[in-house]
All heavy atoms as atom14 arrays in JSON, in Angstrom:
{
  "sequence": "VSALSTWSWIVLARRWRVQDEPGRRRLHEE",
  "atom14_mask": [
    [1, 1, 1, 1, 1, 1, 1, 0, 0, 0, 0, 0, 0, 0],
    [1, 1, 1, 1, 1, 1, 0, 0, 0, 0, 0, 0, 0, 0],
    [1, 1, 1, 1, 1, 0, 0, 0, 0, 0, 0, 0, 0, 0],
    [1, 1, 1, 1, 1, 1, 1, 1, 0, 0, 0, 0, 0, 0],
    [1, 1, 1, 1, 1, 1, 0, 0, 0, 0, 0, 0, 0, 0],
    [1, 1, 1, 1, 1, 1, 1, 0, 0, 0, 0, 0, 0, 0],
    [1, 1, 1, 1, 1, 1, 1, 1, 1, 1, 1, 1, 1, 1],
    [1, 1, 1, 1, 1, 1, 0, 0, 0, 0, 0, 0, 0, 0],
    [1, 1, 1, 1, 1, 1, 1, 1, 1, 1, 1, 1, 1, 1],
    [1, 1, 1, 1, 1, 1, 1, 1, 0, 0, 0, 0, 0, 0],
    [1, 1, 1, 1, 1, 1, 1, 0, 0, 0, 0, 0, 0, 0],
    [1, 1, 1, 1, 1, 1, 1, 1, 0, 0, 0, 0, 0, 0],
    [1, 1, 1, 1, 1, 0, 0, 0, 0, 0, 0, 0, 0, 0],
    [1, 1, 1, 1, 1, 1, 1, 1, 1, 1, 1, 0, 0, 0],
    [1, 1, 1, 1, 1, 1, 1, 1, 1, 1, 1, 0, 0, 0],
    [1, 1, 1, 1, 1, 1, 1, 1, 1, 1, 1, 1, 1, 1],
    [1, 1, 1, 1, 1, 1, 1, 1, 1, 1, 1, 0, 0, 0],
    [1, 1, 1, 1, 1, 1, 1, 0, 0, 0, 0, 0, 0, 0],
    [1, 1, 1, 1, 1, 1, 1, 1, 1, 0, 0, 0, 0, 0],
    [1, 1, 1, 1, 1, 1, 1, 1, 0, 0, 0, 0, 0, 0],
    [1, 1, 1, 1, 1, 1, 1, 1, 1, 0, 0, 0, 0, 0],
    [1, 1, 1, 1, 1, 1, 1, 0, 0, 0, 0, 0, 0, 0],
    [1, 1, 1, 1, 0, 0, 0, 0, 0, 0, 0, 0, 0, 0],
    [1, 1, 1, 1, 1, 1, 1, 1, 1, 1, 1, 0, 0, 0],
    [1, 1, 1, 1, 1, 1, 1, 1, 1, 1, 1, 0, 0, 0],
    [1, 1, 1, 1, 1, 1, 1, 1, 1, 1, 1, 0, 0, 0],
    [1, 1, 1, 1, 1, 1, 1, 1, 0, 0, 0, 0, 0, 0],
    [1, 1, 1, 1, 1, 1, 1, 1, 1, 1, 0, 0, 0, 0],
    [1, 1, 1, 1, 1, 1, 1, 1, 1, 0, 0, 0, 0, 0],
    [1, 1, 1, 1, 1, 1, 1, 1, 1, 0, 0, 0, 0, 0]
  ],
  "atom14_positions": [
    [[12.17, -14.67, -1.52], [11.57, -14.33, -0.23], [11.13, -12.88, -0.22], [10.03, -12.55, 0.24], [12.56, -14.63, 0.93], [12.1, -14.0, 2.22], [12.73, -16.12, 1.09], [0.0, 0.0, 0.0], [0.0, 0.0, 0.0], [0.0, 0.0, 0.0], [0.0, 0.0, 0.0], [0.0, 0.0, 0.0], [0.0, 0.0, 0.0], [0.0, 0.0, 0.0]],
    [[11.96, -11.98, -0.74], [11.6, -10.56, -0.8], [10.36, -10.34, -1.64], [9.45, -9.6, -1.25], [12.76, -9.74, -1.37], [13.82, -9.69, -0.48], [0.0, 0.0, 0.0], [0.0, 0.0, 0.0], [0.0, 0.0, 0.0], [0.0, 0.0, 0.0], [0.0, 0.0, 0.0], [0.0, 0.0, 0.0], [0.0, 0.0, 0.0], [0.0, 0.0, 0.0]],
    [[10.3, -10.97, -2.8], [9.15, -10.79, -3.69], [7.87, -11.34, -3.06], [6.83, -10.67, -3.08], [9.41, -11.48, -5.03], [0.0, 0.0, 0.0], [0.0, 0.0, 0.0], [0.0, 0.0, 0.0], [0.0, 0.0, 0.0], [0.0, 0.0, 0.0], [0.0, 0.0, 0.0], [0.0, 0.0, 0.0], [0.0, 0.0, 0.0], [0.0, 0.0, 0.0]],
    [[7.95, -12.52, -2.48], [6.77, -13.13, -1.88], [6.3, -12.34, -0.66], [5.1, -12.08, -0.5], [7.06, -14.58, -1.49], [5.88, -15.35, -0.9], [4.75, -15.44, -1.91], [6.32, -16.72, -0.47], [0.0, 0.0, 0.0], [0.0, 0.0, 0.0], [0.0, 0.0, 0.0], [0.0, 0.0, 0.0], [0.0, 0.0, 0.0], [0.0, 0.0, 0.0]],
    [[7.23, -11.94, 0.19], [6.82, -11.2, 1.38], [6.34, -9.79, 1.04], [5.43, -9.27, 1.69], [7.94, -11.17, 2.42], [9.11, -10.64, 1.89], [0.0, 0.0, 0.0], [0.0, 0.0, 0.0], [0.0, 0.0, 0.0], [0.0, 0.0, 0.0], [0.0, 0.0, 0.0], [0.0, 0.0, 0.0], [0.0, 0.0, 0.0], [0.0, 0.0, 0.0]],
    [[6.89, -9.15, 0.01], [6.4, -7.84, -0.42], [4.98, -7.97, -0.94], [4.1, -7.17, -0.59], [7.31, -7.24, -1.5], [8.62, -7.07, -0.96], [6.79, -5.89, -1.98], [0.0, 0.0, 0.0], [0.0, 0.0, 0.0], [0.0, 0.0, 0.0], [0.0, 0.0, 0.0], [0.0, 0.0, 0.0], [0.0, 0.0, 0.0], [0.0, 0.0, 0.0]],
    [[4.73, -8.95, -1.77], [3.38, -9.17, -2.29], [2.4, -9.44, -1.16], [1.3, -8.88, -1.13], [3.38, -10.32, -3.29], [2.02, -10.66, -3.79], [1.31, -10.01, -4.75], [1.18, -11.71, -3.31], [0.09, -10.61, -4.91], [-0.02, -11.66, -4.03], [1.34, -12.7, -2.34], [-1.06, -12.55, -3.81], [0.3, -13.58, -2.14], [-0.88, -13.5, -2.86]],
    [[2.8, -10.28, -0.21], [1.93, -10.6, 0.93], [1.63, -9.35, 1.76], [0.5, -9.13, 2.18], [2.58, -11.64, 1.84], [2.81, -12.82, 1.15], [0.0, 0.0, 0.0], [0.0, 0.0, 0.0], [0.0, 0.0, 0.0], [0.0, 0.0, 0.0], [0.0, 0.0, 0.0], [0.0, 0.0, 0.0], [0.0, 0.0, 0.0], [0.0, 0.0, 0.0]],
    [[2.65, -8.52, 2.0], [2.44, -7.3, 2.78], [1.49, -6.35, 2.06], [0.63, -5.73, 2.69], [3.75, -6.59, 3.08], [3.47, -5.28, 3.74], [3.61, -4.05, 3.19], [2.91, -5.08, 5.04], [3.19, -3.1, 4.07], [2.75, -3.7, 5.22], [2.53, -5.94, 6.06], [2.25, -3.16, 6.38], [2.01, -5.39, 7.22], [1.88, -4.02, 7.37]],
    [[1.61, -6.21, 0.75], [0.72, -5.32, 0.01], [-0.72, -5.78, 0.14], [-1.63, -4.98, 0.35], [1.16, -5.21, -1.47], [2.47, -4.41, -1.54], [0.09, -4.55, -2.32], [3.11, -4.39, -2.9], [0.0, 0.0, 0.0], [0.0, 0.0, 0.0], [0.0, 0.0, 0.0], [0.0, 0.0, 0.0], [0.0, 0.0, 0.0], [0.0, 0.0, 0.0]],
    [[-0.96, -7.08, 0.05], [-2.31, -7.62, 0.21], [-2.84, -7.32, 1.62], [-3.96, -6.83, 1.78], [-2.33, -9.15, -0.07], [-3.65, -9.76, 0.34], [-2.05, -9.41, -1.54], [0.0, 0.0, 0.0], [0.0, 0.0, 0.0], [0.0, 0.0, 0.0], [0.0, 0.0, 0.0], [0.0, 0.0, 0.0], [0.0, 0.0, 0.0], [0.0, 0.0, 0.0]],
    [[-2.02, -7.58, 2.63], [-2.45, -7.31, 4.01], [-2.63, -5.82, 4.27], [-3.56, -5.41, 4.96], [-1.44, -7.89, 5.0], [-1.43, -9.4, 5.13], [-0.28, -9.85, 6.02], [-2.76, -9.9, 5.66], [0.0, 0.0, 0.0], [0.0, 0.0, 0.0], [0.0, 0.0, 0.0], [0.0, 0.0, 0.0], [0.0, 0.0, 0.0], [0.0, 0.0, 0.0]],
    [[-1.74, -4.98, 3.74], [-1.84, -3.54, 3.96], [-3.13, -2.99, 3.35], [-3.76, -2.11, 3.94], [-0.63, -2.83, 3.35], [0.0, 0.0, 0.0], [0.0, 0.0, 0.0], [0.0, 0.0, 0.0], [0.0, 0.0, 0.0], [0.0, 0.0, 0.0], [0.0, 0.0, 0.0], [0.0, 0.0, 0.0], [0.0, 0.0, 0.0], [0.0, 0.0, 0.0]],
    [[-3.52, -3.5, 2.21], [-4.79, -3.05, 1.62], [-5.97, -3.52, 2.46], [-6.93, -2.77, 2.66], [-4.91, -3.55, 0.19], [-4.02, -2.8, -0.74], [-4.26, -3.15, -2.18], [-3.41, -2.32, -3.02], [-2.89, -2.71, -4.14], [-3.12, -3.93, -4.6], [-2.13, -1.91, -4.84], [0.0, 0.0, 0.0], [0.0, 0.0, 0.0], [0.0, 0.0, 0.0]],
    [[-5.91, -4.74, 2.98], [-6.99, -5.26, 3.81], [-7.09, -4.49, 5.12], [-8.19, -4.18, 5.58], [-6.76, -6.74, 4.09], [-7.9, -7.36, 4.89], [-7.72, -8.84, 5.09], [-7.61, -9.51, 3.8], [-6.98, -10.66, 3.6], [-6.4, -11.28, 4.6], [-6.93, -11.21, 2.4], [0.0, 0.0, 0.0], [0.0, 0.0, 0.0], [0.0, 0.0, 0.0]],
    [[-5.94, -4.17, 5.73], [-5.92, -3.47, 7.01], [-5.93, -1.95, 6.85], [-5.87, -1.23, 7.83], [-4.69, -3.88, 7.81], [-4.67, -5.31, 8.22], [-5.73, -6.16, 8.32], [-3.52, -6.07, 8.57], [-5.31, -7.4, 8.72], [-3.95, -7.38, 8.89], [-2.17, -5.78, 8.66], [-3.08, -8.37, 9.27], [-1.3, -6.78, 9.04], [-1.76, -8.06, 9.35]],
    [[-5.94, -1.48, 5.59], [-5.96, -0.06, 5.26], [-4.75, 0.69, 5.82], [-4.87, 1.8, 6.32], [-7.27, 0.58, 5.69], [-8.48, -0.13, 5.04], [-9.78, 0.58, 5.14], [-9.86, 1.93, 4.64], [-9.91, 2.29, 3.36], [-9.84, 1.37, 2.42], [-10.03, 3.54, 3.01], [0.0, 0.0, 0.0], [0.0, 0.0, 0.0], [0.0, 0.0, 0.0]],
    [[-3.58, 0.05, 5.72], [-2.32, 0.7, 6.08], [-1.78, 1.3, 4.79], [-0.98, 0.7, 4.08], [-1.3, -0.32, 6.65], [0.0, 0.36, 7.01], [-1.88, -1.05, 7.84], [0.0, 0.0, 0.0], [0.0, 0.0, 0.0], [0.0, 0.0, 0.0], [0.0, 0.0, 0.0], [0.0, 0.0, 0.0], [0.0, 0.0, 0.0], [0.0, 0.0, 0.0]],
    [[-2.28, 2.49, 4.49], [-1.95, 3.08, 3.2], [-2.02, 4.59, 3.26], [-2.64, 5.15, 4.15], [-2.89, 2.56, 2.13], [-4.35, 2.78, 2.44], [-5.25, 1.96, 1.55], [-4.8, 1.13, 0.79], [-6.53, 2.19, 1.64], [0.0, 0.0, 0.0], [0.0, 0.0, 0.0], [0.0, 0.0, 0.0], [0.0, 0.0, 0.0], [0.0, 0.0, 0.0]],
    [[-1.35, 5.22, 2.33], [-1.42, 6.66, 2.16], [-2.58, 6.96, 1.22], [-2.66, 6.39, 0.13], [-0.13, 7.21, 1.56], [1.02, 7.2, 2.55], [0.74, 7.31, 3.76], [2.17, 7.11, 2.11], [0.0, 0.0, 0.0], [0.0, 0.0, 0.0], [0.0, 0.0, 0.0], [0.0, 0.0, 0.0], [0.0, 0.0, 0.0], [0.0, 0.0, 0.0]],
    [[-3.44, 7.84, 1.66], [-4.58, 8.23, 0.83], [-4.17, 9.4, -0.07], [-3.38, 10.24, 0.34], [-5.76, 8.63, 1.71], [-6.29, 7.52, 2.59], [-6.92, 6.37, 1.82], [-7.43, 6.6, 0.7], [-6.89, 5.25, 2.32], [0.0, 0.0, 0.0], [0.0, 0.0, 0.0], [0.0, 0.0, 0.0], [0.0, 0.0, 0.0], [0.0, 0.0, 0.0]],
    [[-4.72, 9.46, -1.27], [-4.42, 10.6, -2.15], [-4.97, 11.88, -1.54], [-5.97, 11.87, -0.84], [-5.11, 10.25, -3.47], [-5.99, 9.11, -3.19], [-5.61, 8.5, -1.89], [0.0, 0.0, 0.0], [0.0, 0.0, 0.0], [0.0, 0.0, 0.0], [0.0, 0.0, 0.0], [0.0, 0.0, 0.0], [0.0, 0.0, 0.0], [0.0, 0.0, 0.0]],
    [[-4.32, 12.96, -1.81], [-4.78, 14.24, -1.3], [-4.15, 15.38, -2.07], [-3.43, 15.18, -3.05], [0.0, 0.0, 0.0], [0.0, 0.0, 0.0], [0.0, 0.0, 0.0], [0.0, 0.0, 0.0], [0.0, 0.0, 0.0], [0.0, 0.0, 0.0], [0.0, 0.0, 0.0], [0.0, 0.0, 0.0], [0.0, 0.0, 0.0], [0.0, 0.0, 0.0]],
    [[-4.41, 16.58, -1.59], [-3.94, 17.77, -2.28], [-2.42, 17.85, -2.31], [-1.85, 18.28, -3.3], [-4.52, 18.99, -1.57], [-4.36, 20.26, -2.3], [-5.03, 21.36, -1.56], [-4.42, 21.43, -0.23], [-4.53, 22.44, 0.59], [-5.27, 23.46, 0.25], [-3.94, 22.42, 1.76], [0.0, 0.0, 0.0], [0.0, 0.0, 0.0], [0.0, 0.0, 0.0]],
    [[-1.75, 17.41, -1.26], [-0.29, 17.5, -1.18], [0.4, 16.17, -1.48], [1.58, 16.01, -1.19], [0.1, 17.98, 0.21], [-0.44, 19.37, 0.48], [0.0, 19.89, 1.8], [1.45, 20.1, 1.73], [2.21, 20.24, 2.8], [1.69, 20.16, 4.0], [3.5, 20.45, 2.67], [0.0, 0.0, 0.0], [0.0, 0.0, 0.0], [0.0, 0.0, 0.0]],
    [[-0.28, 15.22, -2.05], [0.28, 13.9, -2.36], [0.51, 13.77, -3.87], [-0.22, 14.34, -4.67], [-0.66, 12.78, -1.91], [-1.09, 12.86, -0.48], [0.05, 12.49, 0.45], [-0.31, 12.73, 1.83], [-0.39, 11.8, 2.75], [-0.11, 10.57, 2.45], [-0.72, 12.13, 3.97], [0.0, 0.0, 0.0], [0.0, 0.0, 0.0], [0.0, 0.0, 0.0]],
    [[1.49, 12.97, -4.23], [1.79, 12.77, -5.64], [0.98, 11.64, -6.27], [0.8, 11.6, -7.48], [3.28, 12.46, -5.83], [4.24, 13.6, -5.48], [5.67, 13.13, -5.59], [4.0, 14.79, -6.37], [0.0, 0.0, 0.0], [0.0, 0.0, 0.0], [0.0, 0.0, 0.0], [0.0, 0.0, 0.0], [0.0, 0.0, 0.0], [0.0, 0.0, 0.0]],
    [[0.5, 10.69, -5.45], [-0.22, 9.55, -6.02], [-1.71, 9.87, -6.14], [-2.24, 10.72, -5.43], [0.02, 8.29, -5.2], [-0.22, 8.46, -3.74], [0.75, 8.9, -2.88], [-1.32, 8.25, -2.98], [0.26, 8.96, -1.66], [-1.0, 8.57, -1.7], [0.0, 0.0, 0.0], [0.0, 0.0, 0.0], [0.0, 0.0, 0.0], [0.0, 0.0, 0.0]],
    [[-2.36, 9.17, -7.05], [-3.77, 9.41, -7.33], [-4.69, 8.32, -6.79], [-5.9, 8.45, -6.87], [-3.98, 9.57, -8.84], [-3.26, 10.79, -9.4], [-3.48, 10.94, -10.88], [-4.23, 10.13, -11.47], [-2.89, 11.87, -11.45], [0.0, 0.0, 0.0], [0.0, 0.0, 0.0], [0.0, 0.0, 0.0], [0.0, 0.0, 0.0], [0.0, 0.0, 0.0]],
    [[-4.12, 7.24, -6.27], [-4.92, 6.16, -5.68], [-4.25, 5.73, -4.38], [-3.06, 6.0, -4.17], [-5.06, 4.99, -6.65], [-3.78, 4.4, -7.11], [-4.0, 3.34, -8.16], [-4.64, 3.63, -9.17], [-3.52, 2.22, -7.94], [0.0, 0.0, 0.0], [0.0, 0.0, 0.0], [0.0, 0.0, 0.0], [0.0, 0.0, 0.0], [0.0, 0.0, 0.0]]
  ]
}
C-alpha cells in the first residue's frame, strides 16, 4: 500500500505541480 500510494502521489504531484523547483539555495537539480 505504501509503495503504490507513494507512486500514485508522485504522478499526481508532477501533474498538479506540487513540487520544489531547483534554485540557487536548493540541493536538487530537477
